[in-house]
Amino acid sequence: MPAKGGVEGIELAIEKKPDLIILDLLMPEFDGFEVLKELKRKSVDIPVLIASADIQDTSHDLCMELGAADFINKPINHDKLTTAINRILGSRD
């Protein structure tokens, strides 16, 4: 279920408790970094897969420090996305 921005995304995550969140870094209200910080602050235990066109190592490293489960670059390669999702969800069993 897509959210219109970071604030709605956080609300939906808390309400719906999805198995996985796919998060972009650029979005309205809160950017992806702020969403990661807020999910961590609220102790929301849902894995987050970052999908972003930002290829900077500093952005990747910050996302991982903030608790992201993985980071894939846009444009999204279907096989890489599928592999990342399977790895993340498989590690929760």
Protein backbone atom coordinates (compact mmCIF):
# COMPACT_ATOMS: atom_id res chain seq x y z
CA MET A 1 0.00 0.00 0.00
CA PRO A 2 1.78 3.18 -1.14
CA ALA A 3 1.92 6.21 1.09
CA LYS A 4 1.80 9.79 -0.22
CA GLY A 5 4.73 10.88 1.94
CA GLY A 6 6.87 10.12 4.95
CA VAL A 7 4.35 11.02 7.64
CA GLU A 8 1.61 8.89 6.09
CA GLY A 9 4.12 6.09 5.56
CA ILE A 10 4.98 6.01 9.26
CA GLU A 11 1.30 6.04 10.22
CA LEU A 12 0.52 3.19 7.81
CA ALA A 13 3.48 1.15 9.02
CA ILE A 14 2.30 1.41 12.61
CA GLU A 15 -1.34 0.72 11.73
CA LYS A 16 -0.96 -2.02 9.09
CA LYS A 17 2.30 -3.65 10.24
CA PRO A 18 3.44 -4.82 6.78
CA ASP A 19 6.06 -7.53 6.37
CA LEU A 20 8.38 -5.10 4.53
CA ILE A 21 8.64 -1.40 3.75
CA ILE A 22 10.17 -0.28 0.45
CA LEU A 23 11.30 3.28 1.01
CA ASP A 24 12.63 6.00 -1.27
CA LEU A 25 14.85 8.71 0.17
CA LEU A 26 13.17 11.58 -1.69
CA MET A 27 9.55 12.18 -0.76
CA PRO A 28 7.26 14.85 0.70
CA GLU A 29 7.12 15.83 4.38
CA PHE A 30 9.80 13.51 5.80
CA ASP A 31 12.58 12.21 3.61
CA GLY A 32 13.63 8.58 3.87
CA PHE A 33 16.30 9.36 6.46
CA GLU A 34 13.70 10.99 8.72
CA VAL A 35 11.33 8.04 8.24
CA LEU A 36 14.09 5.61 9.26
CA LYS A 37 14.88 7.75 12.33
CA GLU A 38 11.21 7.93 13.33
CA LEU A 39 10.61 4.21 12.85
CA LYS A 40 13.65 3.52 15.02
CA ARG A 41 12.51 6.05 17.65
CA LYS A 42 9.07 4.43 17.78
CA SER A 43 10.61 0.92 17.92
CA VAL A 44 8.78 -0.19 14.78
CA ASP A 45 10.24 -3.62 13.95
CA ILE A 46 9.54 -3.83 10.22
CA PRO A 47 12.43 -4.37 7.79
CA VAL A 48 13.04 -1.47 5.42
CA LEU A 49 14.44 -1.83 1.92
CA ILE A 50 15.73 1.46 0.52
CA ALA A 51 15.21 1.97 -3.22
CA SER A 52 16.92 5.15 -4.32
CA ALA A 53 18.71 6.84 -7.20
CA ASP A 54 21.13 8.31 -4.63
CA ILE A 55 24.36 6.41 -5.23
CA GLN A 56 26.51 8.19 -2.65
CA ASP A 57 28.28 5.89 -0.21
CA THR A 58 27.44 8.31 2.62
CA SER A 59 23.70 7.96 1.94
CA HIS A 60 23.96 4.18 1.76
CA ASP A 61 25.99 4.03 4.97
CA LEU A 62 23.61 6.36 6.84
CA CYS A 63 20.60 4.27 5.81
CA MET A 64 22.27 1.13 7.09
CA GLU A 65 23.25 2.87 10.36
CA LEU A 66 19.62 3.95 10.78
CA GLY A 67 18.45 0.35 10.51
CA ALA A 68 17.69 -0.29 6.83
CA ALA A 69 17.80 -3.98 5.94
CA ASP A 70 19.18 -3.34 2.45
CA PHE A 71 19.70 -0.66 -0.20
CA ILE A 72 19.14 -1.06 -3.93
CA ASN A 73 19.71 1.54 -6.61
CA LYS A 74 17.18 2.93 -9.06
CA PRO A 75 16.36 2.25 -11.75
CA ILE A 76 15.26 -0.91 -10.05
CA ASN A 77 16.44 -4.19 -11.50
CA HIS A 78 13.64 -6.73 -10.99
CA ASP A 79 16.01 -9.60 -10.20
CA LYS A 80 17.93 -7.55 -7.61
CA LEU A 81 14.66 -6.41 -6.03
CA THR A 82 13.34 -9.97 -5.83
CA THR A 83 16.62 -11.23 -4.38
CA ALA A 84 16.69 -8.47 -1.75
CA ILE A 85 13.07 -9.05 -0.72
CA ASN A 86 13.56 -12.81 -0.47
CA ARG A 87 16.74 -12.38 1.56
CA ILE A 88 15.13 -9.89 3.96
CA LEU A 89 11.90 -11.82 4.45
CA GLY A 90 13.72 -15.16 4.59
CA SER A 91 15.96 -13.91 7.38
CA ARG A 92 12.90 -13.20 9.54
CA ASP A 93 11.84 -16.88 9.71
